[in-house]
N, C-alpha and C. Protein backbone atom coordinates (compact mmCIF):
# COMPACT_ATOMS: atom_id res chain seq x y z
N MET A 1 16.49 -34.45 -7.34
CA MET A 1 15.95 -33.10 -7.50
C MET A 1 16.56 -32.21 -6.42
N SER A 2 17.07 -31.07 -6.82
CA SER A 2 17.69 -30.17 -5.85
C SER A 2 16.64 -29.28 -5.19
N ALA A 3 16.98 -28.80 -4.01
CA ALA A 3 16.08 -27.92 -3.27
C ALA A 3 16.03 -26.55 -3.97
N PRO A 4 14.91 -25.86 -3.87
CA PRO A 4 14.83 -24.53 -4.48
C PRO A 4 15.78 -23.56 -3.78
N SER A 5 16.22 -22.56 -4.51
CA SER A 5 17.07 -21.54 -3.90
C SER A 5 16.24 -20.70 -2.93
N ASP A 6 16.92 -19.97 -2.06
CA ASP A 6 16.22 -19.07 -1.14
C ASP A 6 15.40 -18.03 -1.90
N ARG A 7 15.87 -17.67 -3.09
CA ARG A 7 15.17 -16.68 -3.90
C ARG A 7 13.86 -17.23 -4.46
N ALA A 8 13.71 -18.55 -4.49
CA ALA A 8 12.50 -19.16 -5.05
C ALA A 8 11.33 -19.07 -4.08
N LEU A 9 11.62 -18.84 -2.82
CA LEU A 9 10.57 -18.74 -1.82
C LEU A 9 9.97 -17.34 -1.86
N VAL A 10 8.66 -17.25 -1.93
CA VAL A 10 7.99 -15.96 -2.00
C VAL A 10 7.76 -15.45 -0.58
N PRO A 11 8.40 -14.34 -0.21
CA PRO A 11 8.21 -13.83 1.15
C PRO A 11 6.81 -13.25 1.32
N PHE A 12 6.25 -13.41 2.51
CA PHE A 12 4.95 -12.85 2.84
C PHE A 12 5.13 -11.85 3.97
N VAL A 13 4.65 -10.64 3.76
CA VAL A 13 4.70 -9.61 4.78
C VAL A 13 3.32 -9.54 5.43
N SER A 14 3.25 -9.98 6.67
CA SER A 14 1.98 -10.02 7.40
C SER A 14 1.81 -8.75 8.24
N VAL A 15 0.64 -8.59 8.82
CA VAL A 15 0.40 -7.49 9.76
C VAL A 15 1.41 -7.59 10.90
N GLU A 16 1.66 -8.79 11.38
CA GLU A 16 2.63 -8.98 12.47
C GLU A 16 4.02 -8.54 12.04
N ASN A 17 4.43 -8.86 10.80
CA ASN A 17 5.73 -8.40 10.29
C ASN A 17 5.80 -6.87 10.28
N MET A 18 4.73 -6.23 9.82
CA MET A 18 4.71 -4.77 9.76
C MET A 18 4.72 -4.15 11.15
N ARG A 19 3.96 -4.76 12.06
CA ARG A 19 3.96 -4.28 13.46
C ARG A 19 5.36 -4.34 14.03
N ALA A 20 6.06 -5.46 13.80
CA ALA A 20 7.42 -5.63 14.32
C ALA A 20 8.37 -4.60 13.70
N LEU A 21 8.21 -4.34 12.41
CA LEU A 21 9.06 -3.36 11.73
C LEU A 21 8.84 -1.96 12.30
N VAL A 22 7.58 -1.58 12.48
CA VAL A 22 7.26 -0.27 13.04
C VAL A 22 7.78 -0.19 14.48
N HIS A 23 7.61 -1.25 15.24
CA HIS A 23 8.08 -1.26 16.64
C HIS A 23 9.61 -1.13 16.69
N LYS A 24 10.29 -1.81 15.80
CA LYS A 24 11.76 -1.80 15.78
C LYS A 24 12.31 -0.41 15.43
N HIS A 25 11.72 0.24 14.42
CA HIS A 25 12.25 1.51 13.94
C HIS A 25 11.53 2.73 14.51
N GLY A 26 10.35 2.52 15.09
CA GLY A 26 9.56 3.63 15.61
C GLY A 26 8.62 4.17 14.55
N LEU A 27 7.42 4.53 14.98
CA LEU A 27 6.39 5.00 14.05
C LEU A 27 6.85 6.25 13.30
N ARG A 28 7.45 7.20 14.01
CA ARG A 28 7.87 8.45 13.36
C ARG A 28 8.87 8.18 12.23
N ASP A 29 9.88 7.35 12.49
CA ASP A 29 10.88 7.06 11.46
C ASP A 29 10.28 6.27 10.30
N CYS A 30 9.38 5.35 10.60
CA CYS A 30 8.73 4.57 9.53
C CYS A 30 7.89 5.49 8.63
N LEU A 31 7.11 6.37 9.24
CA LEU A 31 6.28 7.28 8.45
C LEU A 31 7.13 8.27 7.66
N ALA A 32 8.22 8.75 8.26
CA ALA A 32 9.12 9.66 7.55
C ALA A 32 9.76 8.95 6.35
N GLY A 33 10.17 7.71 6.55
CA GLY A 33 10.76 6.94 5.45
C GLY A 33 9.76 6.69 4.34
N LEU A 34 8.53 6.34 4.72
CA LEU A 34 7.48 6.15 3.71
C LEU A 34 7.21 7.45 2.95
N ALA A 35 7.13 8.56 3.69
CA ALA A 35 6.87 9.86 3.05
C ALA A 35 7.97 10.20 2.05
N ASN A 36 9.21 9.92 2.41
CA ASN A 36 10.33 10.19 1.49
C ASN A 36 10.25 9.33 0.24
N MET A 37 9.89 8.05 0.40
CA MET A 37 9.77 7.16 -0.76
C MET A 37 8.60 7.57 -1.64
N ILE A 38 7.50 7.95 -1.03
CA ILE A 38 6.33 8.38 -1.79
C ILE A 38 6.65 9.65 -2.57
N GLU A 39 7.34 10.59 -1.93
CA GLU A 39 7.73 11.83 -2.62
C GLU A 39 8.65 11.52 -3.81
N ALA A 40 9.59 10.62 -3.60
CA ALA A 40 10.50 10.23 -4.69
C ALA A 40 9.72 9.61 -5.85
N ASP A 41 8.70 8.81 -5.53
CA ASP A 41 7.89 8.22 -6.60
C ASP A 41 7.04 9.27 -7.32
N PHE A 42 6.51 10.25 -6.58
CA PHE A 42 5.75 11.31 -7.25
C PHE A 42 6.64 12.08 -8.22
N LYS A 43 7.91 12.23 -7.89
CA LYS A 43 8.84 12.92 -8.79
C LYS A 43 9.09 12.10 -10.06
N ARG A 44 8.82 10.80 -10.01
CA ARG A 44 8.97 9.93 -11.18
C ARG A 44 7.62 9.63 -11.84
N TRP A 45 6.61 10.38 -11.52
CA TRP A 45 5.24 10.13 -11.97
C TRP A 45 5.12 9.80 -13.45
N PRO A 46 5.81 10.50 -14.35
CA PRO A 46 5.64 10.21 -15.78
C PRO A 46 6.05 8.79 -16.19
N VAL A 47 6.94 8.14 -15.44
CA VAL A 47 7.39 6.80 -15.86
C VAL A 47 6.40 5.70 -15.49
N PHE A 48 5.45 5.99 -14.63
CA PHE A 48 4.52 4.95 -14.18
C PHE A 48 3.41 4.71 -15.19
N ASP A 49 3.10 3.44 -15.41
CA ASP A 49 1.91 3.05 -16.17
C ASP A 49 0.74 3.24 -15.23
N LYS A 50 -0.17 4.11 -15.58
CA LYS A 50 -1.29 4.43 -14.69
C LYS A 50 -2.58 3.79 -15.20
N THR A 51 -2.59 2.48 -15.23
CA THR A 51 -3.78 1.74 -15.65
C THR A 51 -4.90 2.00 -14.65
N PRO A 52 -6.10 2.33 -15.12
CA PRO A 52 -7.21 2.55 -14.19
C PRO A 52 -7.53 1.29 -13.39
N ARG A 53 -8.10 1.50 -12.23
CA ARG A 53 -8.55 0.38 -11.40
C ARG A 53 -9.53 -0.48 -12.17
N VAL A 54 -9.48 -1.77 -11.90
CA VAL A 54 -10.45 -2.70 -12.46
C VAL A 54 -11.34 -3.12 -11.30
N ALA A 55 -12.64 -2.87 -11.40
CA ALA A 55 -13.56 -3.16 -10.31
C ALA A 55 -14.51 -4.28 -10.69
N SER A 56 -14.74 -5.15 -9.74
CA SER A 56 -15.71 -6.23 -9.89
C SER A 56 -16.77 -6.05 -8.80
N HIS A 57 -17.99 -5.77 -9.23
CA HIS A 57 -19.06 -5.48 -8.28
C HIS A 57 -19.99 -6.68 -8.11
N SER A 58 -20.46 -6.84 -6.89
CA SER A 58 -21.47 -7.86 -6.59
C SER A 58 -22.44 -7.27 -5.58
N LYS A 59 -23.48 -8.02 -5.23
CA LYS A 59 -24.42 -7.55 -4.22
C LYS A 59 -23.73 -7.38 -2.87
N ALA A 60 -22.70 -8.19 -2.62
CA ALA A 60 -21.99 -8.14 -1.34
C ALA A 60 -21.02 -6.97 -1.23
N GLY A 61 -20.50 -6.50 -2.37
CA GLY A 61 -19.53 -5.42 -2.31
C GLY A 61 -18.73 -5.29 -3.59
N VAL A 62 -17.54 -4.77 -3.45
CA VAL A 62 -16.68 -4.52 -4.61
C VAL A 62 -15.28 -5.07 -4.33
N ILE A 63 -14.65 -5.55 -5.39
CA ILE A 63 -13.25 -5.96 -5.34
C ILE A 63 -12.55 -5.14 -6.41
N GLU A 64 -11.47 -4.46 -6.03
CA GLU A 64 -10.76 -3.61 -6.98
C GLU A 64 -9.32 -4.09 -7.14
N LEU A 65 -8.87 -4.11 -8.39
CA LEU A 65 -7.49 -4.45 -8.71
C LEU A 65 -6.82 -3.17 -9.20
N MET A 66 -5.68 -2.82 -8.59
CA MET A 66 -4.98 -1.58 -8.90
C MET A 66 -3.55 -1.87 -9.33
N PRO A 67 -3.32 -2.04 -10.64
CA PRO A 67 -1.97 -2.35 -11.13
C PRO A 67 -1.18 -1.10 -11.53
N THR A 68 0.13 -1.19 -11.46
CA THR A 68 1.01 -0.16 -12.02
C THR A 68 2.39 -0.74 -12.25
N SER A 69 3.17 -0.05 -13.05
CA SER A 69 4.55 -0.46 -13.32
C SER A 69 5.37 0.76 -13.68
N ASP A 70 6.65 0.70 -13.34
CA ASP A 70 7.57 1.76 -13.77
C ASP A 70 8.53 1.23 -14.84
N GLY A 71 8.23 0.05 -15.38
CA GLY A 71 9.08 -0.57 -16.38
C GLY A 71 10.15 -1.46 -15.80
N VAL A 72 10.44 -1.30 -14.52
CA VAL A 72 11.41 -2.14 -13.82
C VAL A 72 10.67 -3.09 -12.88
N ASP A 73 9.74 -2.52 -12.13
CA ASP A 73 8.92 -3.31 -11.21
C ASP A 73 7.45 -3.20 -11.61
N HIS A 74 6.73 -4.26 -11.32
CA HIS A 74 5.28 -4.29 -11.53
C HIS A 74 4.67 -4.56 -10.17
N THR A 75 3.57 -3.90 -9.88
CA THR A 75 2.91 -4.14 -8.61
C THR A 75 1.40 -4.03 -8.79
N PHE A 76 0.70 -4.67 -7.89
CA PHE A 76 -0.74 -4.47 -7.85
C PHE A 76 -1.21 -4.61 -6.42
N LYS A 77 -2.33 -3.95 -6.17
CA LYS A 77 -3.02 -4.09 -4.89
C LYS A 77 -4.42 -4.54 -5.24
N SER A 78 -4.91 -5.51 -4.51
CA SER A 78 -6.29 -5.96 -4.64
C SER A 78 -6.98 -5.65 -3.32
N ALA A 79 -8.05 -4.86 -3.40
CA ALA A 79 -8.75 -4.44 -2.18
C ALA A 79 -10.24 -4.71 -2.33
N ASN A 80 -10.88 -4.94 -1.20
CA ASN A 80 -12.32 -5.18 -1.23
C ASN A 80 -13.04 -4.17 -0.34
N GLY A 81 -14.32 -4.04 -0.56
CA GLY A 81 -15.21 -3.28 0.30
C GLY A 81 -16.49 -4.07 0.44
N HIS A 82 -16.70 -4.68 1.58
CA HIS A 82 -17.88 -5.52 1.83
C HIS A 82 -18.48 -5.14 3.18
N ARG A 83 -19.48 -4.29 3.15
CA ARG A 83 -20.09 -3.75 4.38
C ARG A 83 -20.63 -4.83 5.31
N SER A 84 -21.16 -5.89 4.77
CA SER A 84 -21.80 -6.90 5.62
C SER A 84 -20.79 -7.86 6.26
N ASN A 85 -19.51 -7.72 5.97
CA ASN A 85 -18.51 -8.62 6.56
C ASN A 85 -18.52 -8.60 8.08
N THR A 86 -18.88 -7.47 8.68
CA THR A 86 -18.88 -7.40 10.14
C THR A 86 -19.89 -8.37 10.76
N LYS A 87 -20.91 -8.73 10.01
CA LYS A 87 -21.92 -9.68 10.52
C LYS A 87 -21.33 -11.06 10.74
N VAL A 88 -20.23 -11.36 10.05
CA VAL A 88 -19.58 -12.67 10.21
C VAL A 88 -18.19 -12.52 10.83
N GLY A 89 -17.96 -11.37 11.49
CA GLY A 89 -16.71 -11.16 12.21
C GLY A 89 -15.51 -10.83 11.35
N LEU A 90 -15.74 -10.31 10.14
CA LEU A 90 -14.64 -9.96 9.24
C LEU A 90 -14.57 -8.45 9.04
N GLN A 91 -13.42 -7.96 8.62
CA GLN A 91 -13.24 -6.55 8.30
C GLN A 91 -14.04 -6.21 7.05
N THR A 92 -14.50 -4.96 6.97
CA THR A 92 -15.21 -4.53 5.76
C THR A 92 -14.26 -4.22 4.63
N LEU A 93 -13.03 -3.85 4.97
CA LEU A 93 -12.02 -3.54 3.97
C LEU A 93 -10.77 -4.37 4.24
N THR A 94 -10.26 -5.01 3.22
CA THR A 94 -8.97 -5.70 3.31
C THR A 94 -8.25 -5.52 1.99
N ALA A 95 -6.95 -5.72 2.03
CA ALA A 95 -6.17 -5.58 0.80
C ALA A 95 -4.92 -6.44 0.87
N VAL A 96 -4.49 -6.89 -0.29
CA VAL A 96 -3.22 -7.61 -0.43
C VAL A 96 -2.51 -7.01 -1.64
N GLY A 97 -1.20 -7.19 -1.69
CA GLY A 97 -0.45 -6.66 -2.81
C GLY A 97 0.75 -7.52 -3.13
N VAL A 98 1.24 -7.35 -4.35
CA VAL A 98 2.42 -8.07 -4.81
C VAL A 98 3.33 -7.08 -5.52
N LEU A 99 4.62 -7.19 -5.24
CA LEU A 99 5.65 -6.45 -5.97
C LEU A 99 6.47 -7.47 -6.72
N ALA A 100 6.69 -7.25 -8.00
CA ALA A 100 7.44 -8.21 -8.81
C ALA A 100 8.33 -7.49 -9.82
N SER A 101 9.47 -8.08 -10.11
CA SER A 101 10.35 -7.58 -11.16
C SER A 101 9.66 -7.79 -12.50
N VAL A 102 9.72 -6.79 -13.38
CA VAL A 102 9.14 -6.93 -14.71
C VAL A 102 9.84 -8.05 -15.48
N ASP A 103 11.14 -8.22 -15.26
CA ASP A 103 11.91 -9.24 -15.98
C ASP A 103 11.48 -10.67 -15.67
N THR A 104 11.16 -10.94 -14.40
CA THR A 104 10.82 -12.32 -14.01
C THR A 104 9.38 -12.48 -13.58
N VAL A 105 8.73 -11.40 -13.24
CA VAL A 105 7.39 -11.38 -12.66
C VAL A 105 7.31 -12.29 -11.43
N TYR A 106 8.44 -12.44 -10.75
CA TYR A 106 8.49 -13.28 -9.55
C TYR A 106 8.15 -12.43 -8.34
N PRO A 107 7.15 -12.82 -7.56
CA PRO A 107 6.73 -12.01 -6.40
C PRO A 107 7.87 -11.80 -5.40
N GLN A 108 8.02 -10.54 -4.98
CA GLN A 108 9.06 -10.20 -4.02
C GLN A 108 8.68 -8.95 -3.23
N PRO A 109 7.79 -8.90 -2.38
CA PRO A 109 7.07 -9.95 -1.69
C PRO A 109 5.58 -9.94 -2.03
N PHE A 110 4.86 -10.82 -1.36
CA PHE A 110 3.40 -10.83 -1.31
C PHE A 110 3.08 -10.19 0.04
N SER A 111 2.20 -9.21 0.09
CA SER A 111 2.02 -8.46 1.33
C SER A 111 0.55 -8.22 1.67
N GLU A 112 0.26 -8.27 2.95
CA GLU A 112 -1.00 -7.77 3.47
C GLU A 112 -0.94 -6.26 3.31
N MET A 113 -1.97 -5.64 2.78
CA MET A 113 -1.89 -4.20 2.48
C MET A 113 -2.91 -3.35 3.23
N THR A 114 -3.71 -3.94 4.10
CA THR A 114 -4.71 -3.15 4.81
C THR A 114 -4.02 -2.16 5.74
N LEU A 115 -3.14 -2.65 6.60
CA LEU A 115 -2.39 -1.78 7.50
C LEU A 115 -1.42 -0.90 6.72
N LEU A 116 -0.76 -1.48 5.72
CA LEU A 116 0.20 -0.70 4.94
C LEU A 116 -0.48 0.46 4.22
N THR A 117 -1.69 0.27 3.74
CA THR A 117 -2.42 1.36 3.09
C THR A 117 -2.69 2.48 4.08
N ALA A 118 -3.05 2.13 5.31
CA ALA A 118 -3.27 3.16 6.34
C ALA A 118 -1.98 3.93 6.60
N LEU A 119 -0.86 3.22 6.71
CA LEU A 119 0.43 3.88 6.94
C LEU A 119 0.80 4.77 5.75
N ARG A 120 0.58 4.27 4.54
CA ARG A 120 0.89 5.07 3.34
C ARG A 120 0.02 6.31 3.27
N THR A 121 -1.25 6.19 3.67
CA THR A 121 -2.15 7.33 3.65
C THR A 121 -1.68 8.41 4.61
N VAL A 122 -1.29 8.02 5.81
CA VAL A 122 -0.77 8.98 6.79
C VAL A 122 0.51 9.63 6.26
N ALA A 123 1.41 8.82 5.71
CA ALA A 123 2.68 9.34 5.20
C ALA A 123 2.45 10.30 4.04
N THR A 124 1.51 9.96 3.16
CA THR A 124 1.20 10.84 2.02
C THR A 124 0.61 12.16 2.51
N SER A 125 -0.28 12.09 3.49
CA SER A 125 -0.88 13.32 4.05
C SER A 125 0.20 14.21 4.65
N ALA A 126 1.14 13.61 5.38
CA ALA A 126 2.24 14.38 5.98
C ALA A 126 3.11 15.01 4.90
N MET A 127 3.41 14.25 3.85
CA MET A 127 4.24 14.77 2.76
C MET A 127 3.56 15.95 2.06
N VAL A 128 2.28 15.79 1.75
CA VAL A 128 1.54 16.85 1.06
C VAL A 128 1.45 18.09 1.96
N THR A 129 1.21 17.89 3.24
CA THR A 129 1.15 19.01 4.18
C THR A 129 2.49 19.74 4.23
N ARG A 130 3.57 18.99 4.30
CA ARG A 130 4.91 19.60 4.35
C ARG A 130 5.18 20.44 3.11
N ILE A 131 4.74 19.95 1.95
CA ILE A 131 5.02 20.65 0.70
C ILE A 131 4.06 21.82 0.45
N LEU A 132 2.78 21.64 0.77
CA LEU A 132 1.77 22.63 0.39
C LEU A 132 1.35 23.60 1.48
N ALA A 133 1.55 23.26 2.74
CA ALA A 133 1.10 24.14 3.82
C ALA A 133 1.92 25.42 3.83
N PRO A 134 1.28 26.54 4.11
CA PRO A 134 2.05 27.78 4.23
C PRO A 134 3.12 27.64 5.32
N LYS A 135 4.30 28.17 5.04
CA LYS A 135 5.41 28.04 6.01
C LYS A 135 5.09 28.75 7.32
N SER A 136 4.20 29.75 7.27
CA SER A 136 3.86 30.50 8.47
C SER A 136 2.78 29.82 9.31
N ALA A 137 2.19 28.75 8.81
CA ALA A 137 1.10 28.08 9.53
C ALA A 137 1.59 27.50 10.85
N LYS A 138 0.82 27.73 11.91
CA LYS A 138 1.15 27.19 13.22
C LYS A 138 0.27 26.00 13.58
N THR A 139 -0.85 25.86 12.87
CA THR A 139 -1.81 24.79 13.14
C THR A 139 -2.22 24.16 11.82
N ALA A 140 -2.41 22.86 11.86
CA ALA A 140 -2.89 22.15 10.67
C ALA A 140 -3.97 21.17 11.10
N ALA A 141 -4.92 20.93 10.22
CA ALA A 141 -5.97 19.96 10.49
C ALA A 141 -6.13 19.07 9.27
N SER A 142 -6.50 17.85 9.52
CA SER A 142 -6.73 16.91 8.42
C SER A 142 -8.05 16.21 8.68
N ILE A 143 -8.88 16.16 7.66
CA ILE A 143 -10.16 15.49 7.79
C ILE A 143 -10.15 14.29 6.86
N GLY A 144 -10.30 13.11 7.42
CA GLY A 144 -10.33 11.90 6.61
C GLY A 144 -11.74 11.38 6.48
N ASN A 145 -12.08 10.94 5.31
CA ASN A 145 -13.40 10.38 5.07
C ASN A 145 -13.25 8.95 4.59
N GLY A 146 -13.63 8.01 5.43
CA GLY A 146 -13.57 6.62 5.04
C GLY A 146 -14.63 6.28 4.01
N ILE A 147 -14.47 5.12 3.42
CA ILE A 147 -15.43 4.69 2.41
C ILE A 147 -16.77 4.35 3.04
N PHE A 148 -16.72 3.69 4.18
CA PHE A 148 -17.97 3.24 4.80
C PHE A 148 -18.22 3.99 6.07
């Protein structure tokens, strides 16, 4: 039996991997790059399959599955909201995601998405501010409202 190819191994992007990436390139460049990619995707909005979130509710909280595809790639994010997790030393919100080719549905990569979602939210806010804020504005404010 031959060993699997390097492509057969599913890469995992951890919080530590993301920290190292941000440290290597700098927060400003990482957020600018994310904002540019997000803007490019918004320009392709019509090609995305916008399946509504699928939510599973329990007494402990909610688990949401958020799938989408552009016909070339398929991705989903699975996120939870469990307020009582802090009682056992866990985060109230966590998320994971997978990006896969539509042709093979082979994960490339599997990723922790809690930190990435925070980075994407900041990058999206910056992109929207850049596009929608009056050019004469000298001050901007952003108010974020968390779930919990």
